[in-house]
Amino acid sequence: MDEHYIQEIINEWNPIEIEPLVDDEYSFEIKLISKFINEQQNELKIPALKDKINEIFINEFERFFTKSNESINIAKKIMDASVKFK
């Protein structure tokens, strides 16, 4: 999946509320999400993607991010974008 679409979704979410947000602020996390999606390919499910998103952001921003219920919506948006732009 093109990381550009993931970047748009994650930046819109801005999970640790960075202000002002730089376009590539979450680039490392986006690469990890993209890698996970590419590894899963046809086996990718929304709950697994949600869990991975939470895991990535907890690992990278443990003091600023706690497991988010909103990550299920982010996972759905990413899945929708991946289907739309395959």
PDB file of N, CA and C in Angstrom:
ATOM      1  N   MET A   1       0.846  -1.185   0.000  1.00  0.00           N
ATOM      2  CA  MET A   1       0.000   0.000   0.000  1.00  0.00           C
ATOM      3  C   MET A   1       0.883   1.237   0.000  1.00  0.00           C
ATOM      4  N   ASP A   2       0.461   2.229  -0.729  1.00  0.00           N
ATOM      5  CA  ASP A   2       1.181   3.494  -0.797  1.00  0.00           C
ATOM      6  C   ASP A   2       1.140   4.182   0.570  1.00  0.00           C
ATOM      7  N   GLU A   3       2.303   4.499   1.090  1.00  0.00           N
ATOM      8  CA  GLU A   3       2.388   5.127   2.408  1.00  0.00           C
ATOM      9  C   GLU A   3       1.728   6.509   2.444  1.00  0.00           C
ATOM     10  N   HIS A   4       1.580   7.118   1.296  1.00  0.00           N
ATOM     11  CA  HIS A   4       0.955   8.445   1.227  1.00  0.00           C
ATOM     12  C   HIS A   4      -0.458   8.420   1.818  1.00  0.00           C
ATOM     13  N   TYR A   5      -1.219   7.392   1.513  1.00  0.00           N
ATOM     14  CA  TYR A   5      -2.593   7.297   2.016  1.00  0.00           C
ATOM     15  C   TYR A   5      -2.615   7.057   3.521  1.00  0.00           C
ATOM     16  N   ILE A   6      -1.691   6.231   3.988  1.00  0.00           N
ATOM     17  CA  ILE A   6      -1.592   5.997   5.429  1.00  0.00           C
ATOM     18  C   ILE A   6      -1.206   7.300   6.126  1.00  0.00           C
ATOM     19  N   GLN A   7      -0.261   8.023   5.535  1.00  0.00           N
ATOM     20  CA  GLN A   7       0.185   9.290   6.109  1.00  0.00           C
ATOM     21  C   GLN A   7      -0.971  10.273   6.245  1.00  0.00           C
ATOM     22  N   GLU A   8      -1.788  10.398   5.227  1.00  0.00           N
ATOM     23  CA  GLU A   8      -2.938  11.313   5.288  1.00  0.00           C
ATOM     24  C   GLU A   8      -3.873  10.940   6.445  1.00  0.00           C
ATOM     25  N   ILE A   9      -4.137   9.665   6.583  1.00  0.00           N
ATOM     26  CA  ILE A   9      -5.062   9.190   7.627  1.00  0.00           C
ATOM     27  C   ILE A   9      -4.469   9.411   9.017  1.00  0.00           C
ATOM     28  N   ILE A  10      -3.200   9.031   9.191  1.00  0.00           N
ATOM     29  CA  ILE A  10      -2.553   9.179  10.500  1.00  0.00           C
ATOM     30  C   ILE A  10      -2.393  10.655  10.847  1.00  0.00           C
ATOM     31  N   ASN A  11      -2.006  11.474   9.899  1.00  0.00           N
ATOM     32  CA  ASN A  11      -1.851  12.909  10.173  1.00  0.00           C
ATOM     33  C   ASN A  11      -3.185  13.550  10.547  1.00  0.00           C
ATOM     34  N   GLU A  12      -4.245  13.144   9.892  1.00  0.00           N
ATOM     35  CA  GLU A  12      -5.572  13.673  10.231  1.00  0.00           C
ATOM     36  C   GLU A  12      -5.947  13.266  11.665  1.00  0.00           C
ATOM     37  N   TRP A  13      -5.628  12.047  12.046  1.00  0.00           N
ATOM     38  CA  TRP A  13      -5.890  11.540  13.388  1.00  0.00           C
ATOM     39  C   TRP A  13      -5.014  12.258  14.413  1.00  0.00           C
ATOM     40  N   ASN A  14      -3.719  12.409  14.083  1.00  0.00           N
ATOM     41  CA  ASN A  14      -2.741  13.061  14.956  1.00  0.00           C
ATOM     42  C   ASN A  14      -2.841  12.508  16.386  1.00  0.00           C
ATOM     43  N   PRO A  15      -2.510  11.224  16.560  1.00  0.00           N
ATOM     44  CA  PRO A  15      -2.779  10.526  17.822  1.00  0.00           C
ATOM     45  C   PRO A  15      -2.117  11.092  19.072  1.00  0.00           C
ATOM     46  N   ILE A  16      -1.008  11.803  18.931  1.00  0.00           N
ATOM     47  CA  ILE A  16      -0.420  12.400  20.136  1.00  0.00           C
ATOM     48  C   ILE A  16      -0.534  13.919  20.105  1.00  0.00           C
ATOM     49  N   GLU A  17      -1.403  14.391  19.236  1.00  0.00           N
ATOM     50  CA  GLU A  17      -1.798  15.801  19.177  1.00  0.00           C
ATOM     51  C   GLU A  17      -0.613  16.755  19.085  1.00  0.00           C
ATOM     52  N   ILE A  18       0.240  16.507  18.102  1.00  0.00           N
ATOM     53  CA  ILE A  18       1.391  17.371  17.856  1.00  0.00           C
ATOM     54  C   ILE A  18       0.906  18.636  17.152  1.00  0.00           C
ATOM     55  N   GLU A  19       1.291  19.772  17.680  1.00  0.00           N
ATOM     56  CA  GLU A  19       0.936  21.062  17.082  1.00  0.00           C
ATOM     57  C   GLU A  19       2.165  21.948  17.071  1.00  0.00           C
ATOM     58  N   PRO A  20       2.571  22.495  15.990  1.00  0.00           N
ATOM     59  CA  PRO A  20       2.048  22.253  14.647  1.00  0.00           C
ATOM     60  C   PRO A  20       2.551  20.912  14.113  1.00  0.00           C
ATOM     61  N   LEU A  21       1.727  20.260  13.361  1.00  0.00           N
ATOM     62  CA  LEU A  21       2.043  18.944  12.817  1.00  0.00           C
ATOM     63  C   LEU A  21       2.809  19.099  11.511  1.00  0.00           C
ATOM     64  N   VAL A  22       3.981  18.501  11.450  1.00  0.00           N
ATOM     65  CA  VAL A  22       4.789  18.481  10.235  1.00  0.00           C
ATOM     66  C   VAL A  22       4.334  17.285   9.407  1.00  0.00           C
ATOM     67  N   ASP A  23       4.312  17.432   8.074  1.00  0.00           N
ATOM     68  CA  ASP A  23       3.806  16.359   7.208  1.00  0.00           C
ATOM     69  C   ASP A  23       4.418  14.996   7.468  1.00  0.00           C
ATOM     70  N   ASP A  24       5.709  14.953   7.775  1.00  0.00           N
ATOM     71  CA  ASP A  24       6.363  13.657   7.953  1.00  0.00           C
ATOM     72  C   ASP A  24       6.563  13.287   9.428  1.00  0.00           C
ATOM     73  N   GLU A  25       5.785  13.891  10.294  1.00  0.00           N
ATOM     74  CA  GLU A  25       5.931  13.688  11.744  1.00  0.00           C
ATOM     75  C   GLU A  25       5.857  12.220  12.154  1.00  0.00           C
ATOM     76  N   TYR A  26       4.961  11.485  11.568  1.00  0.00           N
ATOM     77  CA  TYR A  26       4.755  10.082  11.932  1.00  0.00           C
ATOM     78  C   TYR A  26       5.342   9.138  10.884  1.00  0.00           C
ATOM     79  N   SER A  27       6.354   9.554  10.162  1.00  0.00           N
ATOM     80  CA  SER A  27       6.862   8.764   9.041  1.00  0.00           C
ATOM     81  C   SER A  27       7.383   7.389   9.465  1.00  0.00           C
ATOM     82  N   PHE A  28       8.065   7.308  10.604  1.00  0.00           N
ATOM     83  CA  PHE A  28       8.570   6.014  11.069  1.00  0.00           C
ATOM     84  C   PHE A  28       7.414   5.063  11.375  1.00  0.00           C
ATOM     85  N   GLU A  29       6.424   5.557  12.080  1.00  0.00           N
ATOM     86  CA  GLU A  29       5.260   4.733  12.447  1.00  0.00           C
ATOM     87  C   GLU A  29       4.483   4.315  11.200  1.00  0.00           C
ATOM     88  N   ILE A  30       4.389   5.201  10.241  1.00  0.00           N
ATOM     89  CA  ILE A  30       3.693   4.901   8.988  1.00  0.00           C
ATOM     90  C   ILE A  30       4.414   3.794   8.228  1.00  0.00           C
ATOM     91  N   LYS A  31       5.739   3.834   8.231  1.00  0.00           N
ATOM     92  CA  LYS A  31       6.512   2.766   7.576  1.00  0.00           C
ATOM     93  C   LYS A  31       6.239   1.415   8.249  1.00  0.00           C
ATOM     94  N   LEU A  32       6.156   1.406   9.574  1.00  0.00           N
ATOM     95  CA  LEU A  32       5.865   0.165  10.295  1.00  0.00           C
ATOM     96  C   LEU A  32       4.462  -0.353   9.980  1.00  0.00           C
ATOM     97  N   ILE A  33       3.496   0.545   9.903  1.00  0.00           N
ATOM     98  CA  ILE A  33       2.125   0.151   9.558  1.00  0.00           C
ATOM     99  C   ILE A  33       2.093  -0.403   8.136  1.00  0.00           C
ATOM    100  N   SER A  34       2.749   0.285   7.217  1.00  0.00           N
ATOM    101  CA  SER A  34       2.792  -0.159   5.822  1.00  0.00           C
ATOM    102  C   SER A  34       3.460  -1.525   5.702  1.00  0.00           C
ATOM    103  N   LYS A  35       4.548  -1.717   6.432  1.00  0.00           N
ATOM    104  CA  LYS A  35       5.239  -3.013   6.413  1.00  0.00           C
ATOM    105  C   LYS A  35       4.311  -4.119   6.914  1.00  0.00           C
ATOM    106  N   PHE A  36       3.589  -3.857   7.988  1.00  0.00           N
ATOM    107  CA  PHE A  36       2.653  -4.836   8.531  1.00  0.00           C
ATOM    108  C   PHE A  36       1.575  -5.179   7.496  1.00  0.00           C
ATOM    109  N   ILE A  37       1.029  -4.168   6.858  1.00  0.00           N
ATOM    110  CA  ILE A  37      -0.006  -4.392   5.837  1.00  0.00           C
ATOM    111  C   ILE A  37       0.541  -5.246   4.703  1.00  0.00           C
ATOM    112  N   ASN A  38       1.742  -4.921   4.239  1.00  0.00           N
ATOM    113  CA  ASN A  38       2.348  -5.672   3.131  1.00  0.00           C
ATOM    114  C   ASN A  38       2.653  -7.115   3.519  1.00  0.00           C
ATOM    115  N   GLU A  39       3.053  -7.327   4.770  1.00  0.00           N
ATOM    116  CA  GLU A  39       3.319  -8.690   5.240  1.00  0.00           C
ATOM    117  C   GLU A  39       2.036  -9.511   5.342  1.00  0.00           C
ATOM    118  N   GLN A  40       0.957  -8.882   5.734  1.00  0.00           N
ATOM    119  CA  GLN A  40      -0.313  -9.587   5.917  1.00  0.00           C
ATOM    120  C   GLN A  40      -1.022  -9.861   4.593  1.00  0.00           C
ATOM    121  N   GLN A  41      -0.891  -8.943   3.652  1.00  0.00           N
ATOM    122  CA  GLN A  41      -1.528  -9.002   2.344  1.00  0.00           C
ATOM    123  C   GLN A  41      -2.984  -9.406   2.439  1.00  0.00           C
ATOM    124  N   ASN A  42      -3.361 -10.541   1.889  1.00  0.00           N
ATOM    125  CA  ASN A  42      -4.768 -10.959   1.840  1.00  0.00           C
ATOM    126  C   ASN A  42      -5.306 -11.435   3.182  1.00  0.00           C
ATOM    127  N   GLU A  43      -4.430 -11.654   4.158  1.00  0.00           N
ATOM    128  CA  GLU A  43      -4.842 -12.124   5.479  1.00  0.00           C
ATOM    129  C   GLU A  43      -5.159 -10.974   6.428  1.00  0.00           C
ATOM    130  N   LEU A  44      -4.975  -9.746   5.987  1.00  0.00           N
ATOM    131  CA  LEU A  44      -5.147  -8.581   6.850  1.00  0.00           C
ATOM    132  C   LEU A  44      -6.600  -8.419   7.289  1.00  0.00           C
ATOM    133  N   LYS A  45      -6.785  -8.256   8.583  1.00  0.00           N
ATOM    134  CA  LYS A  45      -8.106  -8.025   9.177  1.00  0.00           C
ATOM    135  C   LYS A  45      -8.060  -6.749   9.998  1.00  0.00           C
ATOM    136  N   ILE A  46      -9.178  -6.073  10.079  1.00  0.00           N
ATOM    137  CA  ILE A  46      -9.255  -4.800  10.798  1.00  0.00           C
ATOM    138  C   ILE A  46      -8.817  -4.932  12.263  1.00  0.00           C
ATOM    139  N   PRO A  47      -9.277  -5.933  13.027  1.00  0.00           N
ATOM    140  CA  PRO A  47      -8.828  -6.020  14.424  1.00  0.00           C
ATOM    141  C   PRO A  47      -7.300  -6.163  14.560  1.00  0.00           C
ATOM    142  N   ALA A  48      -6.690  -6.923  13.674  1.00  0.00           N
ATOM    143  CA  ALA A  48      -5.231  -7.095  13.725  1.00  0.00           C
ATOM    144  C   ALA A  48      -4.521  -5.783  13.402  1.00  0.00           C
ATOM    145  N   LEU A  49      -5.040  -5.055  12.427  1.00  0.00           N
ATOM    146  CA  LEU A  49      -4.451  -3.767  12.078  1.00  0.00           C
ATOM    147  C   LEU A  49      -4.625  -2.770  13.214  1.00  0.00           C
ATOM    148  N   LYS A  50      -5.779  -2.770  13.847  1.00  0.00           N
ATOM    149  CA  LYS A  50      -6.027  -1.898  15.009  1.00  0.00           C
ATOM    150  C   LYS A  50      -5.024  -2.202  16.119  1.00  0.00           C
ATOM    151  N   ASP A  51      -4.832  -3.479  16.413  1.00  0.00           N
ATOM    152  CA  ASP A  51      -3.886  -3.872  17.457  1.00  0.00           C
ATOM    153  C   ASP A  51      -2.463  -3.451  17.103  1.00  0.00           C
ATOM    154  N   LYS A  52      -2.098  -3.592  15.839  1.00  0.00           N
ATOM    155  CA  LYS A  52      -0.750  -3.210  15.404  1.00  0.00           C
ATOM    156  C   LYS A  52      -0.560  -1.702  15.504  1.00  0.00           C
ATOM    157  N   ILE A  53      -1.555  -0.937  15.117  1.00  0.00           N
ATOM    158  CA  ILE A  53      -1.479   0.519  15.226  1.00  0.00           C
ATOM    159  C   ILE A  53      -1.274   0.918  16.686  1.00  0.00           C
ATOM    160  N   ASN A  54      -2.066   0.349  17.590  1.00  0.00           N
ATOM    161  CA  ASN A  54      -1.904   0.638  19.018  1.00  0.00           C
ATOM    162  C   ASN A  54      -0.512   0.242  19.497  1.00  0.00           C
ATOM    163  N   GLU A  55      -0.060  -0.933  19.109  1.00  0.00           N
ATOM    164  CA  GLU A  55       1.257  -1.416  19.517  1.00  0.00           C
ATOM    165  C   GLU A  55       2.366  -0.460  19.056  1.00  0.00           C
ATOM    166  N   ILE A  56       2.309  -0.051  17.809  1.00  0.00           N
ATOM    167  CA  ILE A  56       3.326   0.842  17.254  1.00  0.00           C
ATOM    168  C   ILE A  56       3.354   2.165  18.004  1.00  0.00           C
ATOM    169  N   PHE A  57       2.191   2.763  18.204  1.00  0.00           N
ATOM    170  CA  PHE A  57       2.163   4.068  18.862  1.00  0.00           C
ATOM    171  C   PHE A  57       2.486   3.978  20.349  1.00  0.00           C
ATOM    172  N   ILE A  58       2.134   2.890  21.001  1.00  0.00           N
ATOM    173  CA  ILE A  58       2.511   2.701  22.403  1.00  0.00           C
ATOM    174  C   ILE A  58       4.024   2.544  22.514  1.00  0.00           C
ATOM    175  N   ASN A  59       4.603   1.757  21.613  1.00  0.00           N
ATOM    176  CA  ASN A  59       6.054   1.545  21.645  1.00  0.00           C
ATOM    177  C   ASN A  59       6.827   2.832  21.373  1.00  0.00           C
ATOM    178  N   GLU A  60       6.341   3.645  20.466  1.00  0.00           N
ATOM    179  CA  GLU A  60       7.066   4.849  20.073  1.00  0.00           C
ATOM    180  C   GLU A  60       6.787   6.054  20.972  1.00  0.00           C
ATOM    181  N   PHE A  61       5.584   6.124  21.526  1.00  0.00           N
ATOM    182  CA  PHE A  61       5.176   7.308  22.295  1.00  0.00           C
ATOM    183  C   PHE A  61       4.544   6.912  23.621  1.00  0.00           C
ATOM    184  N   GLU A  62       5.152   5.965  24.313  1.00  0.00           N
ATOM    185  CA  GLU A  62       4.517   5.371  25.486  1.00  0.00           C
ATOM    186  C   GLU A  62       4.036   6.380  26.526  1.00  0.00           C
ATOM    187  N   ARG A  63       4.729   7.465  26.688  1.00  0.00           N
ATOM    188  CA  ARG A  63       4.296   8.460  27.684  1.00  0.00           C
ATOM    189  C   ARG A  63       3.166   9.348  27.167  1.00  0.00           C
ATOM    190  N   PHE A  64       3.014   9.410  25.863  1.00  0.00           N
ATOM    191  CA  PHE A  64       2.053  10.340  25.268  1.00  0.00           C
ATOM    192  C   PHE A  64       0.859   9.660  24.619  1.00  0.00           C
ATOM    193  N   PHE A  65       0.904   8.341  24.520  1.00  0.00           N
ATOM    194  CA  PHE A  65      -0.155   7.608  23.826  1.00  0.00           C
ATOM    195  C   PHE A  65      -0.559   6.407  24.659  1.00  0.00           C
ATOM    196  N   THR A  66      -1.847   6.273  24.864  1.00  0.00           N
ATOM    197  CA  THR A  66      -2.373   5.064  25.478  1.00  0.00           C
ATOM    198  C   THR A  66      -3.266   4.386  24.448  1.00  0.00           C
ATOM    199  N   LYS A  67      -3.499   3.122  24.643  1.00  0.00           N
ATOM    200  CA  LYS A  67      -4.320   2.371  23.684  1.00  0.00           C
ATOM    201  C   LYS A  67      -5.583   3.166  23.382  1.00  0.00           C
ATOM    202  N   SER A  68      -5.834   3.332  22.118  1.00  0.00           N
ATOM    203  CA  SER A  68      -6.932   4.191  21.693  1.00  0.00           C
ATOM    204  C   SER A  68      -8.067   3.392  21.076  1.00  0.00           C
ATOM    205  N   ASN A  69      -9.273   3.669  21.508  1.00  0.00           N
ATOM    206  CA  ASN A  69     -10.444   3.052  20.875  1.00  0.00           C
ATOM    207  C   ASN A  69     -10.628   3.589  19.464  1.00  0.00           C
ATOM    208  N   GLU A  70     -10.132   4.785  19.217  1.00  0.00           N
ATOM    209  CA  GLU A  70     -10.266   5.384  17.899  1.00  0.00           C
ATOM    210  C   GLU A  70      -9.432   4.654  16.843  1.00  0.00           C
ATOM    211  N   SER A  71      -8.463   3.880  17.281  1.00  0.00           N
ATOM    212  CA  SER A  71      -7.609   3.180  16.318  1.00  0.00           C
ATOM    213  C   SER A  71      -8.402   2.180  15.475  1.00  0.00           C
ATOM    214  N   ILE A  72      -9.548   1.704  15.937  1.00  0.00           N
ATOM    215  CA  ILE A  72     -10.381   0.828  15.101  1.00  0.00           C
ATOM    216  C   ILE A  72     -10.900   1.594  13.892  1.00  0.00           C
ATOM    217  N   ASN A  73     -11.280   2.848  14.104  1.00  0.00           N
ATOM    218  CA  ASN A  73     -11.735   3.671  12.982  1.00  0.00           C
ATOM    219  C   ASN A  73     -10.590   3.981  12.027  1.00  0.00           C
ATOM    220  N   ILE A  74      -9.405   4.175  12.560  1.00  0.00           N
ATOM    221  CA  ILE A  74      -8.233   4.437  11.726  1.00  0.00           C
ATOM    222  C   ILE A  74      -7.905   3.187  10.907  1.00  0.00           C
ATOM    223  N   ALA A  75      -7.973   2.030  11.532  1.00  0.00           N
ATOM    224  CA  ALA A  75      -7.727   0.780  10.819  1.00  0.00           C
ATOM    225  C   ALA A  75      -8.732   0.603   9.681  1.00  0.00           C
ATOM    226  N   LYS A  76      -9.994   0.924   9.935  1.00  0.00           N
ATOM    227  CA  LYS A  76     -11.018   0.820   8.888  1.00  0.00           C
ATOM    228  C   LYS A  76     -10.722   1.772   7.733  1.00  0.00           C
ATOM    229  N   LYS A  77     -10.327   3.006   8.056  1.00  0.00           N
ATOM    230  CA  LYS A  77     -10.006   3.981   7.002  1.00  0.00           C
ATOM    231  C   LYS A  77      -8.820   3.509   6.162  1.00  0.00           C
ATOM    232  N   ILE A  78      -7.804   2.959   6.831  1.00  0.00           N
ATOM    233  CA  ILE A  78      -6.642   2.461   6.110  1.00  0.00           C
ATOM    234  C   ILE A  78      -7.034   1.280   5.226  1.00  0.00           C
ATOM    235  N   MET A  79      -7.845   0.376   5.751  1.00  0.00           N
ATOM    236  CA  MET A  79      -8.305  -0.774   4.958  1.00  0.00           C
ATOM    237  C   MET A  79      -9.118  -0.310   3.758  1.00  0.00           C
ATOM    238  N   ASP A  80     -10.014   0.665   3.968  1.00  0.00           N
ATOM    239  CA  ASP A  80     -10.810   1.199   2.867  1.00  0.00           C
ATOM    240  C   ASP A  80      -9.908   1.808   1.801  1.00  0.00           C
ATOM    241  N   ALA A  81      -8.889   2.555   2.236  1.00  0.00           N
ATOM    242  CA  ALA A  81      -7.953   3.175   1.291  1.00  0.00           C
ATOM    243  C   ALA A  81      -7.153   2.114   0.558  1.00  0.00           C
ATOM    244  N   SER A  82      -6.776   1.045   1.251  1.00  0.00           N
ATOM    245  CA  SER A  82      -5.981   0.003   0.594  1.00  0.00           C
ATOM    246  C   SER A  82      -6.783  -0.715  -0.477  1.00  0.00           C
ATOM    247  N   VAL A  83      -8.063  -0.899  -0.240  1.00  0.00           N
ATOM    248  CA  VAL A  83      -8.926  -1.539  -1.236  1.00  0.00           C
ATOM    249  C   VAL A  83      -9.167  -0.599  -2.406  1.00  0.00           C
ATOM    250  N   LYS A  84      -9.411   0.647  -2.098  1.00  0.00           N
ATOM    251  CA  LYS A  84      -9.718   1.636  -3.124  1.00  0.00           C
ATOM    252  C   LYS A  84      -8.543   1.891  -4.061  1.00  0.00           C
ATOM    253  N   PHE A  85      -7.320   1.854  -3.525  1.00  0.00           N
ATOM    254  CA  PHE A  85      -6.160   2.236  -4.316  1.00  0.00           C
ATOM    255  C   PHE A  85      -5.234   1.085  -4.651  1.00  0.00           C
ATOM    256  N   LYS A  86      -5.762  -0.125  -4.658  1.00  0.00           N
ATOM    257  CA  LYS A  86      -4.943  -1.291  -5.076  1.00  0.00           C
ATOM    258  C   LYS A  86      -4.689  -1.254  -6.548  1.00  0.00           C
TER     259      LYS A  86
END
